Amino acid sequence: MTFQFNFSQAENASFTVTSSALENARLALRHANFEILEIWHEGEEHIYEIWQNTVSGTQIRLDIEQDDVVEEELNEATRQDVVNELVDLWIELRAIRRHFTEAPDYFDECENIERSTTPLQRFWLKVREFELERAADPELWSFIFNTGVDETVCAYNELSAQDRLAITH
């Protein structure tokens, strides 16, 4: 849409422009060496603008008509619309859950990064090692250790002093 004003007819003219065509009217005025002097608003409504020619000093007033806003009538959702929306939502949530539960662990993908084990994890690893030793050769176990000594005591004694302090304190 283009605008063409006949500026030679009056010194101080007034034009009515719809708010949707306002930007094109502004461009036409700028190309005709006009500068904006005043913009008037009442509340949230844009009422008028006054432009002045930089060479001749003539003023033009643009009265702005608000476009009629056609409000769209909302139809009530049917039961089938609600069910379809719930099914779509369920499918999206399931895809999100699968993405996070089936995603490989970051540390397993990186060869250079090793997880540091906590003192308690090291303790239980030692317990497991002693359980395997005892199950593999019970006679040797009973020869080395008293029958009252179990794997947890041996694992605790195998830990460093710092790990023992971290577990017990």
N, C-alpha and C. Protein backbone atom coordinates (compact mmCIF):
# COMPACT_ATOMS: atom_id res chain seq x y z
N MET A 1 0.85 -1.16 0.00
CA MET A 1 0.00 0.00 0.00
C MET A 1 0.90 1.22 0.00
N THR A 2 0.61 2.18 -0.89
CA THR A 2 1.39 3.41 -0.94
C THR A 2 0.50 4.59 -0.61
N PHE A 3 1.12 5.63 -0.13
CA PHE A 3 0.41 6.86 0.21
C PHE A 3 0.91 7.97 -0.67
N GLN A 4 0.00 8.80 -1.07
CA GLN A 4 0.36 9.99 -1.84
C GLN A 4 -0.45 11.15 -1.30
N PHE A 5 0.23 12.11 -0.71
CA PHE A 5 -0.42 13.28 -0.16
C PHE A 5 -0.21 14.45 -1.12
N ASN A 6 -1.20 15.27 -1.24
CA ASN A 6 -1.07 16.49 -2.02
C ASN A 6 -0.82 17.62 -1.03
N PHE A 7 0.46 17.96 -0.81
CA PHE A 7 0.84 18.91 0.22
C PHE A 7 0.67 20.36 -0.22
N SER A 8 0.45 20.61 -1.47
CA SER A 8 0.39 21.98 -1.96
C SER A 8 -0.97 22.63 -1.76
N GLN A 9 -1.97 21.90 -1.37
CA GLN A 9 -3.33 22.45 -1.27
C GLN A 9 -3.54 23.30 -0.04
N ALA A 10 -2.91 23.01 1.04
CA ALA A 10 -3.15 23.78 2.27
C ALA A 10 -1.86 23.88 3.05
N GLU A 11 -1.76 24.99 3.79
CA GLU A 11 -0.57 25.17 4.60
C GLU A 11 -0.56 24.23 5.78
N ASN A 12 -1.64 24.17 6.50
CA ASN A 12 -1.74 23.28 7.63
C ASN A 12 -2.89 22.31 7.35
N ALA A 13 -2.55 21.14 6.88
CA ALA A 13 -3.55 20.17 6.47
C ALA A 13 -3.75 19.12 7.56
N SER A 14 -4.86 18.42 7.46
CA SER A 14 -5.17 17.35 8.39
C SER A 14 -5.63 16.14 7.58
N PHE A 15 -5.04 14.99 7.86
CA PHE A 15 -5.39 13.75 7.18
C PHE A 15 -5.77 12.71 8.21
N THR A 16 -6.68 11.84 7.83
CA THR A 16 -7.08 10.74 8.69
C THR A 16 -6.46 9.45 8.16
N VAL A 17 -5.78 8.72 9.03
CA VAL A 17 -5.07 7.50 8.66
C VAL A 17 -5.43 6.41 9.65
N THR A 18 -5.60 5.18 9.15
CA THR A 18 -5.85 4.06 10.06
C THR A 18 -4.54 3.65 10.72
N SER A 19 -4.63 3.03 11.85
CA SER A 19 -3.41 2.67 12.59
C SER A 19 -2.59 1.62 11.83
N SER A 20 -3.24 0.80 10.99
CA SER A 20 -2.48 -0.18 10.23
C SER A 20 -1.71 0.47 9.08
N ALA A 21 -2.18 1.64 8.59
CA ALA A 21 -1.52 2.34 7.49
C ALA A 21 -0.62 3.45 7.98
N LEU A 22 -0.46 3.61 9.27
CA LEU A 22 0.32 4.71 9.83
C LEU A 22 1.78 4.66 9.42
N GLU A 23 2.37 3.50 9.40
CA GLU A 23 3.79 3.39 9.06
C GLU A 23 4.05 3.85 7.63
N ASN A 24 3.17 3.51 6.70
CA ASN A 24 3.35 3.95 5.32
C ASN A 24 3.19 5.46 5.21
N ALA A 25 2.27 6.04 5.96
CA ALA A 25 2.10 7.50 5.96
C ALA A 25 3.34 8.18 6.52
N ARG A 26 3.93 7.63 7.54
CA ARG A 26 5.16 8.19 8.11
C ARG A 26 6.29 8.18 7.08
N LEU A 27 6.41 7.06 6.36
CA LEU A 27 7.46 6.97 5.33
C LEU A 27 7.26 8.02 4.25
N ALA A 28 6.01 8.22 3.83
CA ALA A 28 5.73 9.23 2.80
C ALA A 28 6.09 10.63 3.30
N LEU A 29 5.78 10.91 4.54
CA LEU A 29 6.11 12.22 5.09
C LEU A 29 7.61 12.42 5.23
N ARG A 30 8.33 11.42 5.63
CA ARG A 30 9.79 11.52 5.76
C ARG A 30 10.44 11.79 4.41
N HIS A 31 9.92 11.14 3.35
CA HIS A 31 10.49 11.34 2.02
C HIS A 31 10.16 12.74 1.49
N ALA A 32 9.16 13.39 2.06
CA ALA A 32 8.79 14.75 1.64
C ALA A 32 9.41 15.81 2.56
N ASN A 33 10.46 15.47 3.26
CA ASN A 33 11.21 16.38 4.15
C ASN A 33 10.38 16.86 5.33
N PHE A 34 9.57 16.02 5.91
CA PHE A 34 8.82 16.36 7.11
C PHE A 34 9.48 15.69 8.31
N GLU A 35 9.40 16.39 9.44
CA GLU A 35 9.88 15.84 10.71
C GLU A 35 8.72 15.83 11.69
N ILE A 36 8.75 14.89 12.59
CA ILE A 36 7.66 14.78 13.55
C ILE A 36 7.86 15.79 14.67
N LEU A 37 6.77 16.47 15.01
CA LEU A 37 6.82 17.44 16.11
C LEU A 37 6.14 16.91 17.36
N GLU A 38 5.01 16.22 17.18
CA GLU A 38 4.22 15.84 18.35
C GLU A 38 3.52 14.51 18.08
N ILE A 39 3.48 13.68 19.10
CA ILE A 39 2.71 12.44 19.09
C ILE A 39 1.80 12.49 20.30
N TRP A 40 0.51 12.32 20.09
CA TRP A 40 -0.46 12.45 21.17
C TRP A 40 -1.12 11.10 21.46
N HIS A 41 -1.09 10.73 22.74
CA HIS A 41 -1.73 9.51 23.21
C HIS A 41 -2.70 9.88 24.32
N GLU A 42 -3.83 9.20 24.35
CA GLU A 42 -4.74 9.29 25.48
C GLU A 42 -4.91 7.88 26.02
N GLY A 43 -4.35 7.67 27.17
CA GLY A 43 -4.36 6.31 27.74
C GLY A 43 -3.46 5.43 26.88
N GLU A 44 -4.00 4.35 26.39
CA GLU A 44 -3.27 3.44 25.52
C GLU A 44 -3.55 3.70 24.05
N GLU A 45 -4.40 4.68 23.74
CA GLU A 45 -4.83 4.91 22.37
C GLU A 45 -4.01 6.03 21.72
N HIS A 46 -3.51 5.77 20.53
CA HIS A 46 -2.74 6.73 19.74
C HIS A 46 -3.73 7.62 19.01
N ILE A 47 -3.74 8.95 19.27
CA ILE A 47 -4.77 9.85 18.76
C ILE A 47 -4.32 10.58 17.50
N TYR A 48 -3.20 11.31 17.56
CA TYR A 48 -2.74 12.04 16.37
C TYR A 48 -1.25 12.29 16.44
N GLU A 49 -0.70 12.71 15.27
CA GLU A 49 0.70 13.12 15.15
C GLU A 49 0.73 14.40 14.34
N ILE A 50 1.66 15.28 14.68
CA ILE A 50 1.84 16.51 13.91
C ILE A 50 3.25 16.49 13.32
N TRP A 51 3.32 16.72 12.00
CA TRP A 51 4.57 16.71 11.25
C TRP A 51 4.80 18.11 10.68
N GLN A 52 6.06 18.54 10.57
CA GLN A 52 6.41 19.84 10.03
C GLN A 52 7.47 19.68 8.96
N ASN A 53 7.28 20.42 7.84
CA ASN A 53 8.24 20.39 6.75
C ASN A 53 9.47 21.18 7.18
N THR A 54 10.65 20.63 6.93
CA THR A 54 11.89 21.28 7.35
C THR A 54 12.24 22.48 6.50
N VAL A 55 11.73 22.53 5.27
CA VAL A 55 12.06 23.64 4.37
C VAL A 55 11.02 24.75 4.48
N SER A 56 9.75 24.41 4.28
CA SER A 56 8.70 25.43 4.22
C SER A 56 8.05 25.73 5.56
N GLY A 57 8.14 24.83 6.51
CA GLY A 57 7.54 25.04 7.82
C GLY A 57 6.06 24.70 7.89
N THR A 58 5.49 24.14 6.84
CA THR A 58 4.08 23.75 6.89
C THR A 58 3.89 22.54 7.80
N GLN A 59 2.73 22.49 8.42
CA GLN A 59 2.45 21.40 9.35
C GLN A 59 1.31 20.55 8.81
N ILE A 60 1.40 19.28 9.09
CA ILE A 60 0.36 18.32 8.73
C ILE A 60 0.01 17.54 9.98
N ARG A 61 -1.29 17.41 10.17
CA ARG A 61 -1.77 16.63 11.32
C ARG A 61 -2.34 15.33 10.79
N LEU A 62 -1.86 14.21 11.36
CA LEU A 62 -2.38 12.88 11.01
C LEU A 62 -3.27 12.42 12.15
N ASP A 63 -4.57 12.40 11.91
CA ASP A 63 -5.51 11.84 12.87
C ASP A 63 -5.54 10.33 12.66
N ILE A 64 -5.41 9.60 13.74
CA ILE A 64 -5.27 8.14 13.62
C ILE A 64 -6.56 7.47 14.08
N GLU A 65 -7.14 6.72 13.15
CA GLU A 65 -8.32 5.91 13.46
C GLU A 65 -7.85 4.53 13.87
N GLN A 66 -8.41 4.03 14.91
CA GLN A 66 -8.04 2.69 15.38
C GLN A 66 -8.72 1.65 14.49
N ASP A 67 -7.96 0.65 14.10
CA ASP A 67 -8.53 -0.45 13.32
C ASP A 67 -9.53 -1.20 14.18
N ASP A 68 -10.59 -1.63 13.54
CA ASP A 68 -11.56 -2.44 14.26
C ASP A 68 -10.96 -3.80 14.53
N VAL A 69 -10.89 -4.14 15.79
CA VAL A 69 -10.34 -5.42 16.19
C VAL A 69 -11.49 -6.41 16.23
N VAL A 70 -11.38 -7.40 15.38
CA VAL A 70 -12.41 -8.43 15.34
C VAL A 70 -11.97 -9.53 16.30
N GLU A 71 -12.74 -9.68 17.34
CA GLU A 71 -12.41 -10.72 18.31
C GLU A 71 -12.91 -12.05 17.79
N GLU A 72 -12.02 -12.98 17.83
CA GLU A 72 -12.36 -14.31 17.34
C GLU A 72 -13.19 -15.03 18.38
N GLU A 73 -14.26 -15.58 17.94
CA GLU A 73 -15.14 -16.29 18.85
C GLU A 73 -14.54 -17.66 19.15
N LEU A 74 -14.33 -17.92 20.40
CA LEU A 74 -13.72 -19.18 20.81
C LEU A 74 -14.77 -20.27 20.89
N ASN A 75 -14.47 -21.36 20.25
CA ASN A 75 -15.36 -22.50 20.33
C ASN A 75 -14.97 -23.34 21.53
N GLU A 76 -15.95 -23.89 22.17
CA GLU A 76 -15.65 -24.75 23.31
C GLU A 76 -15.04 -26.05 22.81
N ALA A 77 -14.09 -26.54 23.57
CA ALA A 77 -13.43 -27.78 23.19
C ALA A 77 -14.36 -28.95 23.45
N THR A 78 -14.33 -29.87 22.53
CA THR A 78 -15.12 -31.09 22.71
C THR A 78 -14.31 -32.08 23.53
N ARG A 79 -14.96 -33.12 23.93
CA ARG A 79 -14.27 -34.16 24.70
C ARG A 79 -13.16 -34.78 23.86
N GLN A 80 -13.41 -34.96 22.55
CA GLN A 80 -12.41 -35.54 21.68
C GLN A 80 -11.19 -34.62 21.54
N ASP A 81 -11.40 -33.30 21.51
CA ASP A 81 -10.29 -32.36 21.46
C ASP A 81 -9.42 -32.48 22.70
N VAL A 82 -10.04 -32.61 23.85
CA VAL A 82 -9.31 -32.74 25.10
C VAL A 82 -8.53 -34.05 25.13
N VAL A 83 -9.15 -35.13 24.69
CA VAL A 83 -8.47 -36.43 24.66
C VAL A 83 -7.29 -36.38 23.71
N ASN A 84 -7.47 -35.79 22.54
CA ASN A 84 -6.37 -35.69 21.58
C ASN A 84 -5.21 -34.89 22.14
N GLU A 85 -5.51 -33.82 22.83
CA GLU A 85 -4.46 -32.99 23.42
C GLU A 85 -3.72 -33.76 24.52
N LEU A 86 -4.46 -34.51 25.33
CA LEU A 86 -3.83 -35.31 26.38
C LEU A 86 -2.94 -36.40 25.81
N VAL A 87 -3.38 -37.03 24.73
CA VAL A 87 -2.56 -38.06 24.10
C VAL A 87 -1.28 -37.45 23.54
N ASP A 88 -1.39 -36.30 22.89
CA ASP A 88 -0.20 -35.62 22.38
C ASP A 88 0.76 -35.27 23.50
N LEU A 89 0.22 -34.78 24.59
CA LEU A 89 1.04 -34.43 25.74
C LEU A 89 1.72 -35.66 26.33
N TRP A 90 1.00 -36.74 26.44
CA TRP A 90 1.56 -37.98 26.98
C TRP A 90 2.70 -38.48 26.10
N ILE A 91 2.53 -38.40 24.78
CA ILE A 91 3.58 -38.85 23.86
C ILE A 91 4.83 -37.99 24.02
N GLU A 92 4.65 -36.69 24.15
CA GLU A 92 5.80 -35.80 24.32
C GLU A 92 6.51 -36.05 25.64
N LEU A 93 5.75 -36.24 26.71
CA LEU A 93 6.37 -36.51 28.01
C LEU A 93 7.12 -37.84 28.01
N ARG A 94 6.56 -38.84 27.34
CA ARG A 94 7.23 -40.14 27.26
C ARG A 94 8.55 -40.00 26.50
N ALA A 95 8.56 -39.21 25.43
CA ALA A 95 9.79 -39.00 24.67
C ALA A 95 10.84 -38.29 25.52
N ILE A 96 10.41 -37.34 26.33
CA ILE A 96 11.35 -36.64 27.21
C ILE A 96 11.91 -37.60 28.25
N ARG A 97 11.05 -38.43 28.84
CA ARG A 97 11.51 -39.39 29.85
C ARG A 97 12.51 -40.37 29.23
N ARG A 98 12.20 -40.86 28.03
CA ARG A 98 13.12 -41.80 27.37
C ARG A 98 14.45 -41.15 27.07
N HIS A 99 14.41 -39.89 26.71
CA HIS A 99 15.65 -39.19 26.40
C HIS A 99 16.58 -39.17 27.61
N PHE A 100 16.01 -38.91 28.78
CA PHE A 100 16.85 -38.81 29.96
C PHE A 100 17.17 -40.15 30.60
N THR A 101 16.29 -41.12 30.53
CA THR A 101 16.56 -42.41 31.16
C THR A 101 17.43 -43.31 30.30
N GLU A 102 17.34 -43.17 28.99
CA GLU A 102 18.12 -44.03 28.11
C GLU A 102 19.40 -43.36 27.63
N ALA A 103 19.64 -42.15 28.08
CA ALA A 103 20.85 -41.43 27.66
C ALA A 103 22.06 -42.07 28.34
N PRO A 104 23.13 -42.26 27.60
CA PRO A 104 24.33 -42.83 28.22
C PRO A 104 24.92 -41.85 29.22
N ASP A 105 25.60 -42.41 30.17
CA ASP A 105 26.23 -41.59 31.20
C ASP A 105 27.40 -40.82 30.58
N TYR A 106 27.52 -39.57 30.95
CA TYR A 106 28.57 -38.72 30.39
C TYR A 106 29.95 -39.27 30.70
N PHE A 107 30.14 -39.78 31.91
CA PHE A 107 31.45 -40.27 32.31
C PHE A 107 31.83 -41.55 31.58
N ASP A 108 30.85 -42.32 31.14
CA ASP A 108 31.16 -43.53 30.40
C ASP A 108 31.65 -43.20 29.00
N GLU A 109 31.23 -42.07 28.45
CA GLU A 109 31.64 -41.68 27.10
C GLU A 109 33.03 -41.08 27.09
N CYS A 110 33.45 -40.48 28.16
CA CYS A 110 34.75 -39.82 28.20
C CYS A 110 35.77 -40.76 28.81
N GLU A 111 36.80 -41.07 28.03
CA GLU A 111 37.81 -42.00 28.52
C GLU A 111 38.77 -41.32 29.49
N ASN A 112 38.97 -40.03 29.33
CA ASN A 112 39.95 -39.33 30.14
C ASN A 112 39.43 -38.97 31.52
N ILE A 113 38.13 -38.97 31.71
CA ILE A 113 37.56 -38.57 32.98
C ILE A 113 37.20 -39.82 33.78
N GLU A 114 37.77 -39.92 34.95
CA GLU A 114 37.45 -41.04 35.83
C GLU A 114 36.70 -40.51 37.04
N ARG A 115 35.75 -41.26 37.46
CA ARG A 115 35.02 -40.87 38.66
C ARG A 115 35.89 -41.14 39.87
N SER A 116 35.94 -40.17 40.75
CA SER A 116 36.68 -40.39 41.99
C SER A 116 35.74 -41.13 42.95
N THR A 117 36.27 -42.13 43.58
CA THR A 117 35.45 -42.92 44.50
C THR A 117 35.54 -42.31 45.89
N THR A 118 34.47 -42.41 46.59
CA THR A 118 34.42 -41.90 47.95
C THR A 118 35.04 -42.93 48.88
N PRO A 119 35.40 -42.54 50.08
CA PRO A 119 35.95 -43.50 51.04
C PRO A 119 34.97 -44.64 51.33
N LEU A 120 33.69 -44.33 51.41
CA LEU A 120 32.71 -45.39 51.67
C LEU A 120 32.63 -46.35 50.50
N GLN A 121 32.74 -45.87 49.27
CA GLN A 121 32.73 -46.75 48.11
C GLN A 121 33.98 -47.64 48.11
N ARG A 122 35.12 -47.05 48.45
CA ARG A 122 36.34 -47.86 48.53
C ARG A 122 36.22 -48.94 49.60
N PHE A 123 35.58 -48.61 50.71
CA PHE A 123 35.36 -49.58 51.78
C PHE A 123 34.54 -50.77 51.27
N TRP A 124 33.42 -50.49 50.60
CA TRP A 124 32.57 -51.59 50.13
C TRP A 124 33.23 -52.39 49.02
N LEU A 125 34.11 -51.77 48.23
CA LEU A 125 34.88 -52.53 47.24
C LEU A 125 35.83 -53.51 47.93
N LYS A 126 36.46 -53.04 48.99
CA LYS A 126 37.36 -53.92 49.75
C LYS A 126 36.57 -55.06 50.41
N VAL A 127 35.39 -54.74 50.93
CA VAL A 127 34.56 -55.78 51.53
C VAL A 127 34.25 -56.84 50.49
N ARG A 128 33.89 -56.43 49.30
CA ARG A 128 33.57 -57.38 48.23
C ARG A 128 34.79 -58.24 47.87
N GLU A 129 35.97 -57.61 47.82
CA GLU A 129 37.20 -58.37 47.53
C GLU A 129 37.44 -59.45 48.60
N PHE A 130 37.28 -59.10 49.86
CA PHE A 130 37.49 -60.07 50.93
C PHE A 130 36.43 -61.16 50.91
N GLU A 131 35.19 -60.82 50.55
CA GLU A 131 34.16 -61.86 50.44
C GLU A 131 34.50 -62.87 49.36
N LEU A 132 35.03 -62.36 48.23
CA LEU A 132 35.42 -63.26 47.15
C LEU A 132 36.60 -64.14 47.55
N GLU A 133 37.56 -63.57 48.28
CA GLU A 133 38.69 -64.37 48.77
C GLU A 133 38.22 -65.46 49.72
N ARG A 134 37.32 -65.11 50.63
CA ARG A 134 36.82 -66.09 51.60
C ARG A 134 36.04 -67.19 50.90
N ALA A 135 35.23 -66.82 49.91
CA ALA A 135 34.45 -67.84 49.19
C ALA A 135 35.35 -68.71 48.33
N ALA A 136 36.44 -68.16 47.79
CA ALA A 136 37.32 -68.93 46.93
C ALA A 136 38.12 -69.97 47.71
N ASP A 137 38.56 -69.61 48.90
CA ASP A 137 39.37 -70.56 49.68
C ASP A 137 39.04 -70.42 51.16
N PRO A 138 37.98 -71.09 51.64
CA PRO A 138 37.58 -70.96 53.04
C PRO A 138 38.63 -71.50 54.03
N GLU A 139 39.39 -72.53 53.62
CA GLU A 139 40.39 -73.10 54.52
C GLU A 139 41.52 -72.11 54.77
N LEU A 140 41.98 -71.43 53.74
CA LEU A 140 43.03 -70.43 53.90
C LEU A 140 42.53 -69.28 54.76
N TRP A 141 41.27 -68.89 54.55
CA TRP A 141 40.67 -67.81 55.33
C TRP A 141 40.65 -68.17 56.82
N SER A 142 40.24 -69.39 57.13
CA SER A 142 40.17 -69.80 58.54
C SER A 142 41.57 -69.99 59.13
N PHE A 143 42.58 -70.29 58.29
CA PHE A 143 43.95 -70.43 58.76
C PHE A 143 44.52 -69.05 59.12
N ILE A 144 44.22 -68.01 58.28
CA ILE A 144 44.79 -66.67 58.48
C ILE A 144 44.03 -65.90 59.56
N PHE A 145 42.69 -65.96 59.53
CA PHE A 145 41.87 -65.15 60.42
C PHE A 145 41.12 -66.01 61.40
N ASN A 146 40.84 -65.43 62.55
CA ASN A 146 39.99 -66.06 63.56
C ASN A 146 38.58 -66.15 62.98
N THR A 147 37.80 -67.10 63.44
CA THR A 147 36.46 -67.29 62.91
C THR A 147 35.54 -66.11 63.22
N GLY A 148 35.85 -65.30 64.23
CA GLY A 148 35.03 -64.15 64.58
C GLY A 148 35.28 -62.93 63.70
N VAL A 149 36.36 -62.98 62.91
CA VAL A 149 36.69 -61.84 62.05
C VAL A 149 35.96 -61.99 60.72
N ASP A 150 35.22 -60.95 60.36
CA ASP A 150 34.54 -61.02 59.06
C ASP A 150 35.18 -60.06 58.07
N GLU A 151 34.61 -59.96 56.86
CA GLU A 151 35.20 -59.19 55.77
C GLU A 151 35.20 -57.68 56.04
N THR A 152 34.21 -57.21 56.77
CA THR A 152 34.13 -55.76 57.01
C THR A 152 35.29 -55.28 57.88
N VAL A 153 35.69 -56.09 58.84
CA VAL A 153 36.82 -55.72 59.70
C VAL A 153 38.10 -55.68 58.89
N CYS A 154 38.28 -56.67 58.04
CA CYS A 154 39.50 -56.70 57.20
C CYS A 154 39.52 -55.53 56.22
N ALA A 155 38.37 -55.22 55.63
CA ALA A 155 38.30 -54.11 54.67
C ALA A 155 38.59 -52.78 55.36
N TYR A 156 38.06 -52.60 56.56
CA TYR A 156 38.30 -51.37 57.31
C TYR A 156 39.78 -51.20 57.62
N ASN A 157 40.43 -52.27 58.01
CA ASN A 157 41.86 -52.20 58.33
C ASN A 157 42.71 -51.97 57.09
N GLU A 158 42.24 -52.33 55.92
CA GLU A 158 42.98 -52.14 54.67
C GLU A 158 42.93 -50.69 54.18
N LEU A 159 41.97 -49.92 54.63
CA LEU A 159 41.83 -48.54 54.18
C LEU A 159 42.93 -47.66 54.76
N SER A 160 43.16 -46.51 54.09
CA SER A 160 44.14 -45.55 54.60
C SER A 160 43.55 -44.87 55.83
N ALA A 161 44.39 -44.20 56.58
CA ALA A 161 43.96 -43.53 57.81
C ALA A 161 42.94 -42.43 57.49
N GLN A 162 43.12 -41.73 56.40
CA GLN A 162 42.18 -40.67 56.02
C GLN A 162 40.81 -41.25 55.68
N ASP A 163 40.80 -42.37 54.94
CA ASP A 163 39.53 -43.00 54.58
C ASP A 163 38.81 -43.52 55.82
N ARG A 164 39.57 -44.08 56.75
CA ARG A 164 38.95 -44.56 57.98
C ARG A 164 38.33 -43.41 58.77
N LEU A 165 39.03 -42.28 58.85
CA LEU A 165 38.49 -41.12 59.54
C LEU A 165 37.24 -40.58 58.84
N ALA A 166 37.26 -40.58 57.51
CA ALA A 166 36.11 -40.08 56.76
C ALA A 166 34.87 -40.96 56.97
N ILE A 167 35.07 -42.25 57.14
CA ILE A 167 33.93 -43.16 57.32
C ILE A 167 33.40 -43.08 58.75
N THR A 168 34.29 -43.05 59.72
CA THR A 168 33.84 -43.14 61.10
C THR A 168 33.49 -41.78 61.71
N HIS A 169 33.99 -40.68 61.16
CA HIS A 169 33.70 -39.37 61.77
C HIS A 169 32.89 -38.55 60.83
